[in-house]
Amino acid sequence: MSACGDACRLAAVVVLACVIGLQSRVTHAQAPPPGHGPITVNGFVRVIEADTFEVRVEGRRVGVRIVGIRVAPGNTECGLRAMNVLQGLVEGGIVLEDDPLVPTFDAQKLRLYRVTRNSVSVAVELAHAGFAESDQRGTDRDLIVAAAAEARASRRGCVR
């Protein structure tokens, strides 16, 4: 019985190691690699926070974080309002582009993209509406800073 017990434990360890190995590869495999080129998304966008959403790319779910902004948490009044604004901005189609000034993934393994709608930065639009601040990173950094300053001066949105 002890030989079977040892064999069963060994088999369980091997299976667990394989599953862990697959999961670590799948996490990165869901998002396209750097240099993939712009991706047009016309389907459903599931907003998670005002800077984070999920889309389908080539049949796979991809968690995306918008480059260049900080937003209020989604469990606050400002965060909920910001999420609604983002949902409106991403309806009707968006384009995801690599930003050469930031890494491909963030610490939570979300794919970082510059997001545009009708060739306009969604991050800049959120800042202009008063729902985002610059995190001082990315191609649109200066535009986000200016848009957030204008929103504060005009008392738009809720980011102060």
C-alpha atoms as a PDB file:
ATOM      1  CA  MET A   1       0.000   0.000   0.000  1.00  0.00           C
ATOM      2  CA  SER A   2       2.849   2.412   0.704  1.00  0.00           C
ATOM      3  CA  ALA A   3       4.252   1.909  -2.833  1.00  0.00           C
ATOM      4  CA  CYS A   4       0.861   2.829  -4.287  1.00  0.00           C
ATOM      5  CA  GLY A   5       0.652   5.785  -1.889  1.00  0.00           C
ATOM      6  CA  ASP A   6       4.071   7.039  -2.999  1.00  0.00           C
ATOM      7  CA  ALA A   7       3.191   6.497  -6.670  1.00  0.00           C
ATOM      8  CA  CYS A   8      -0.112   8.323  -6.220  1.00  0.00           C
ATOM      9  CA  ARG A   9       1.611  11.260  -4.499  1.00  0.00           C
ATOM     10  CA  LEU A  10       4.221  11.411  -7.265  1.00  0.00           C
ATOM     11  CA  ALA A  11       1.515  11.358  -9.939  1.00  0.00           C
ATOM     12  CA  ALA A  12      -0.369  14.147  -8.139  1.00  0.00           C
ATOM     13  CA  VAL A  13       2.781  16.273  -7.941  1.00  0.00           C
ATOM     14  CA  VAL A  14       3.481  15.755 -11.667  1.00  0.00           C
ATOM     15  CA  VAL A  15      -0.101  16.662 -12.610  1.00  0.00           C
ATOM     16  CA  LEU A  16      -0.005  19.753 -10.366  1.00  0.00           C
ATOM     17  CA  ALA A  17       3.307  20.873 -11.872  1.00  0.00           C
ATOM     18  CA  CYS A  18       1.862  20.503 -15.378  1.00  0.00           C
ATOM     19  CA  VAL A  19      -1.250  22.492 -14.478  1.00  0.00           C
ATOM     20  CA  ILE A  20       0.816  25.285 -12.899  1.00  0.00           C
ATOM     21  CA  GLY A  21       3.093  25.350 -15.945  1.00  0.00           C
ATOM     22  CA  LEU A  22       0.121  25.565 -18.300  1.00  0.00           C
ATOM     23  CA  GLN A  23      -1.508  28.350 -16.277  1.00  0.00           C
ATOM     24  CA  SER A  24       1.632  30.467 -16.298  1.00  0.00           C
ATOM     25  CA  ARG A  25       1.901  30.086 -20.083  1.00  0.00           C
ATOM     26  CA  VAL A  26      -1.816  30.746 -20.625  1.00  0.00           C
ATOM     27  CA  THR A  27      -1.689  34.007 -18.636  1.00  0.00           C
ATOM     28  CA  HIS A  28       0.736  35.503 -21.139  1.00  0.00           C
ATOM     29  CA  ALA A  29      -0.617  33.606 -24.140  1.00  0.00           C
ATOM     30  CA  GLN A  30      -4.049  35.269 -23.899  1.00  0.00           C
ATOM     31  CA  ALA A  31      -2.727  38.680 -24.950  1.00  0.00           C
ATOM     32  CA  PRO A  32      -0.990  39.245 -28.266  1.00  0.00           C
ATOM     33  CA  PRO A  33       2.784  39.640 -28.043  1.00  0.00           C
ATOM     34  CA  PRO A  34       4.493  43.039 -28.313  1.00  0.00           C
ATOM     35  CA  GLY A  35       4.770  44.274 -31.875  1.00  0.00           C
ATOM     36  CA  HIS A  36       1.548  42.526 -32.908  1.00  0.00           C
ATOM     37  CA  GLY A  37       0.274  45.754 -34.457  1.00  0.00           C
ATOM     38  CA  PRO A  38      -2.937  47.698 -33.827  1.00  0.00           C
ATOM     39  CA  ILE A  39      -5.984  45.650 -32.889  1.00  0.00           C
ATOM     40  CA  THR A  40      -9.479  46.855 -33.748  1.00  0.00           C
ATOM     41  CA  VAL A  41     -12.152  45.780 -31.265  1.00  0.00           C
ATOM     42  CA  ASN A  42     -15.743  46.193 -32.433  1.00  0.00           C
ATOM     43  CA  GLY A  43     -17.395  43.729 -30.082  1.00  0.00           C
ATOM     44  CA  PHE A  44     -18.413  43.852 -26.451  1.00  0.00           C
ATOM     45  CA  VAL A  45     -16.058  45.520 -23.973  1.00  0.00           C
ATOM     46  CA  ARG A  46     -16.469  44.531 -20.320  1.00  0.00           C
ATOM     47  CA  VAL A  47     -15.411  47.497 -18.169  1.00  0.00           C
ATOM     48  CA  ILE A  48     -13.886  46.390 -14.860  1.00  0.00           C
ATOM     49  CA  GLU A  49     -12.513  49.717 -13.567  1.00  0.00           C
ATOM     50  CA  ALA A  50     -12.271  53.082 -15.302  1.00  0.00           C
ATOM     51  CA  ASP A  51      -8.786  52.157 -16.554  1.00  0.00           C
ATOM     52  CA  THR A  52      -9.290  48.412 -16.999  1.00  0.00           C
ATOM     53  CA  PHE A  53     -11.461  46.294 -19.256  1.00  0.00           C
ATOM     54  CA  GLU A  54     -11.718  42.908 -20.897  1.00  0.00           C
ATOM     55  CA  VAL A  55     -12.111  42.229 -24.614  1.00  0.00           C
ATOM     56  CA  ARG A  56     -11.866  39.305 -26.993  1.00  0.00           C
ATOM     57  CA  VAL A  57      -8.865  39.333 -29.307  1.00  0.00           C
ATOM     58  CA  GLU A  58      -8.549  36.519 -31.827  1.00  0.00           C
ATOM     59  CA  GLY A  59     -11.073  34.499 -29.825  1.00  0.00           C
ATOM     60  CA  ARG A  60      -9.259  34.905 -26.492  1.00  0.00           C
ATOM     61  CA  ARG A  61     -10.199  37.035 -23.489  1.00  0.00           C
ATOM     62  CA  VAL A  62      -7.627  39.725 -22.794  1.00  0.00           C
ATOM     63  CA  GLY A  63      -7.453  41.938 -19.713  1.00  0.00           C
ATOM     64  CA  VAL A  64      -6.403  45.449 -20.771  1.00  0.00           C
ATOM     65  CA  ARG A  65      -5.202  48.413 -18.733  1.00  0.00           C
ATOM     66  CA  ILE A  66      -5.198  51.836 -20.393  1.00  0.00           C
ATOM     67  CA  VAL A  67      -1.720  53.347 -20.465  1.00  0.00           C
ATOM     68  CA  GLY A  68      -1.071  56.681 -18.803  1.00  0.00           C
ATOM     69  CA  ILE A  69      -3.885  57.215 -16.306  1.00  0.00           C
ATOM     70  CA  ARG A  70      -4.854  56.842 -12.666  1.00  0.00           C
ATOM     71  CA  VAL A  71      -8.549  56.666 -11.810  1.00  0.00           C
ATOM     72  CA  ALA A  72     -10.687  56.425  -8.682  1.00  0.00           C
ATOM     73  CA  PRO A  73     -11.423  52.884  -7.470  1.00  0.00           C
ATOM     74  CA  GLY A  74     -14.595  51.373  -8.903  1.00  0.00           C
ATOM     75  CA  ASN A  75     -16.162  50.999  -5.456  1.00  0.00           C
ATOM     76  CA  THR A  76     -16.364  54.792  -4.979  1.00  0.00           C
ATOM     77  CA  GLU A  77     -18.926  57.215  -6.394  1.00  0.00           C
ATOM     78  CA  CYS A  78     -16.283  58.846  -8.592  1.00  0.00           C
ATOM     79  CA  GLY A  79     -15.018  55.444  -9.742  1.00  0.00           C
ATOM     80  CA  LEU A  80     -18.527  54.306 -10.679  1.00  0.00           C
ATOM     81  CA  ARG A  81     -19.131  57.494 -12.649  1.00  0.00           C
ATOM     82  CA  ALA A  82     -15.758  57.073 -14.366  1.00  0.00           C
ATOM     83  CA  MET A  83     -16.605  53.476 -15.302  1.00  0.00           C
ATOM     84  CA  ASN A  84     -19.829  54.679 -16.938  1.00  0.00           C
ATOM     85  CA  VAL A  85     -17.914  57.289 -18.921  1.00  0.00           C
ATOM     86  CA  LEU A  86     -15.407  54.658 -20.064  1.00  0.00           C
ATOM     87  CA  GLN A  87     -18.237  52.310 -21.096  1.00  0.00           C
ATOM     88  CA  GLY A  88     -19.598  55.071 -23.330  1.00  0.00           C
ATOM     89  CA  LEU A  89     -16.164  55.789 -24.783  1.00  0.00           C
ATOM     90  CA  VAL A  90     -15.481  52.173 -25.778  1.00  0.00           C
ATOM     91  CA  GLU A  91     -18.867  51.480 -27.368  1.00  0.00           C
ATOM     92  CA  GLY A  92     -18.824  51.422 -31.133  1.00  0.00           C
ATOM     93  CA  GLY A  93     -15.238  50.254 -31.493  1.00  0.00           C
ATOM     94  CA  ILE A  94     -11.754  50.977 -30.214  1.00  0.00           C
ATOM     95  CA  VAL A  95      -8.200  50.386 -31.345  1.00  0.00           C
ATOM     96  CA  LEU A  96      -5.540  48.906 -29.059  1.00  0.00           C
ATOM     97  CA  GLU A  97      -1.942  49.895 -29.782  1.00  0.00           C
ATOM     98  CA  ASP A  98       1.368  49.145 -28.097  1.00  0.00           C
ATOM     99  CA  ASP A  99       2.906  52.178 -26.418  1.00  0.00           C
ATOM    100  CA  PRO A 100       6.678  52.054 -26.915  1.00  0.00           C
ATOM    101  CA  LEU A 101       7.275  54.019 -23.690  1.00  0.00           C
ATOM    102  CA  VAL A 102       5.791  51.420 -21.301  1.00  0.00           C
ATOM    103  CA  PRO A 103       6.215  47.687 -20.648  1.00  0.00           C
ATOM    104  CA  THR A 104       3.872  45.192 -22.292  1.00  0.00           C
ATOM    105  CA  PHE A 105       2.284  43.967 -19.043  1.00  0.00           C
ATOM    106  CA  ASP A 106       1.647  45.582 -15.670  1.00  0.00           C
ATOM    107  CA  ALA A 107       2.246  43.982 -12.251  1.00  0.00           C
ATOM    108  CA  GLN A 108      -1.191  42.292 -12.398  1.00  0.00           C
ATOM    109  CA  LYS A 109      -0.336  40.761 -15.809  1.00  0.00           C
ATOM    110  CA  LEU A 110      -2.834  42.958 -17.635  1.00  0.00           C
ATOM    111  CA  ARG A 111      -1.857  43.968 -21.169  1.00  0.00           C
ATOM    112  CA  LEU A 112      -0.994  47.666 -21.352  1.00  0.00           C
ATOM    113  CA  TYR A 113      -2.320  49.438 -24.428  1.00  0.00           C
ATOM    114  CA  ARG A 114      -2.805  52.931 -25.746  1.00  0.00           C
ATOM    115  CA  VAL A 115      -6.535  52.891 -26.502  1.00  0.00           C
ATOM    116  CA  THR A 116      -8.135  55.112 -29.146  1.00  0.00           C
ATOM    117  CA  ARG A 117     -11.611  55.688 -30.479  1.00  0.00           C
ATOM    118  CA  ASN A 118     -11.920  57.528 -33.791  1.00  0.00           C
ATOM    119  CA  SER A 119      -8.159  58.231 -33.560  1.00  0.00           C
ATOM    120  CA  VAL A 120      -8.606  60.043 -30.204  1.00  0.00           C
ATOM    121  CA  SER A 121      -6.961  58.756 -27.018  1.00  0.00           C
ATOM    122  CA  VAL A 122      -9.498  57.316 -24.565  1.00  0.00           C
ATOM    123  CA  ALA A 123      -7.114  58.239 -21.709  1.00  0.00           C
ATOM    124  CA  VAL A 124      -7.149  61.885 -22.818  1.00  0.00           C
ATOM    125  CA  GLU A 125     -10.944  61.802 -23.120  1.00  0.00           C
ATOM    126  CA  LEU A 126     -11.303  60.418 -19.573  1.00  0.00           C
ATOM    127  CA  ALA A 127      -8.954  63.127 -18.265  1.00  0.00           C
ATOM    128  CA  HIS A 128     -10.830  65.820 -20.209  1.00  0.00           C
ATOM    129  CA  ALA A 129     -14.102  64.622 -18.644  1.00  0.00           C
ATOM    130  CA  GLY A 130     -12.506  64.910 -15.190  1.00  0.00           C
ATOM    131  CA  PHE A 131     -12.270  61.208 -14.402  1.00  0.00           C
ATOM    132  CA  ALA A 132      -8.547  60.492 -14.794  1.00  0.00           C
ATOM    133  CA  GLU A 133      -5.169  61.905 -13.859  1.00  0.00           C
ATOM    134  CA  SER A 134      -1.851  61.262 -15.553  1.00  0.00           C
ATOM    135  CA  ASP A 135       0.411  58.592 -14.092  1.00  0.00           C
ATOM    136  CA  GLN A 136       3.270  60.329 -15.957  1.00  0.00           C
ATOM    137  CA  ARG A 137       3.826  57.427 -18.358  1.00  0.00           C
ATOM    138  CA  GLY A 138       3.178  56.809 -22.000  1.00  0.00           C
ATOM    139  CA  THR A 139       2.964  58.606 -25.309  1.00  0.00           C
ATOM    140  CA  ASP A 140      -0.080  60.700 -24.321  1.00  0.00           C
ATOM    141  CA  ARG A 141       1.380  61.881 -20.990  1.00  0.00           C
ATOM    142  CA  ASP A 142       1.448  65.613 -21.796  1.00  0.00           C
ATOM    143  CA  LEU A 143      -2.010  65.558 -23.383  1.00  0.00           C
ATOM    144  CA  ILE A 144      -3.452  63.779 -20.325  1.00  0.00           C
ATOM    145  CA  VAL A 145      -1.849  66.310 -17.946  1.00  0.00           C
ATOM    146  CA  ALA A 146      -3.294  69.221 -19.947  1.00  0.00           C
ATOM    147  CA  ALA A 147      -6.753  67.637 -20.227  1.00  0.00           C
ATOM    148  CA  ALA A 148      -6.888  66.885 -16.476  1.00  0.00           C
ATOM    149  CA  ALA A 149      -5.806  70.448 -15.650  1.00  0.00           C
ATOM    150  CA  GLU A 150      -8.539  71.853 -17.891  1.00  0.00           C
ATOM    151  CA  ALA A 151     -11.142  69.556 -16.292  1.00  0.00           C
ATOM    152  CA  ARG A 152     -10.085  70.676 -12.796  1.00  0.00           C
ATOM    153  CA  ALA A 153     -10.246  74.331 -13.803  1.00  0.00           C
ATOM    154  CA  SER A 154     -13.707  73.812 -15.293  1.00  0.00           C
ATOM    155  CA  ARG A 155     -14.761  71.651 -12.301  1.00  0.00           C
ATOM    156  CA  ARG A 156     -15.754  68.741 -14.577  1.00  0.00           C
ATOM    157  CA  GLY A 157     -15.944  65.198 -13.298  1.00  0.00           C
ATOM    158  CA  CYS A 158     -14.759  64.322  -9.837  1.00  0.00           C
ATOM    159  CA  VAL A 159     -10.960  64.035  -9.897  1.00  0.00           C
ATOM    160  CA  ARG A 160      -9.569  67.050  -8.044  1.00  0.00           C
END
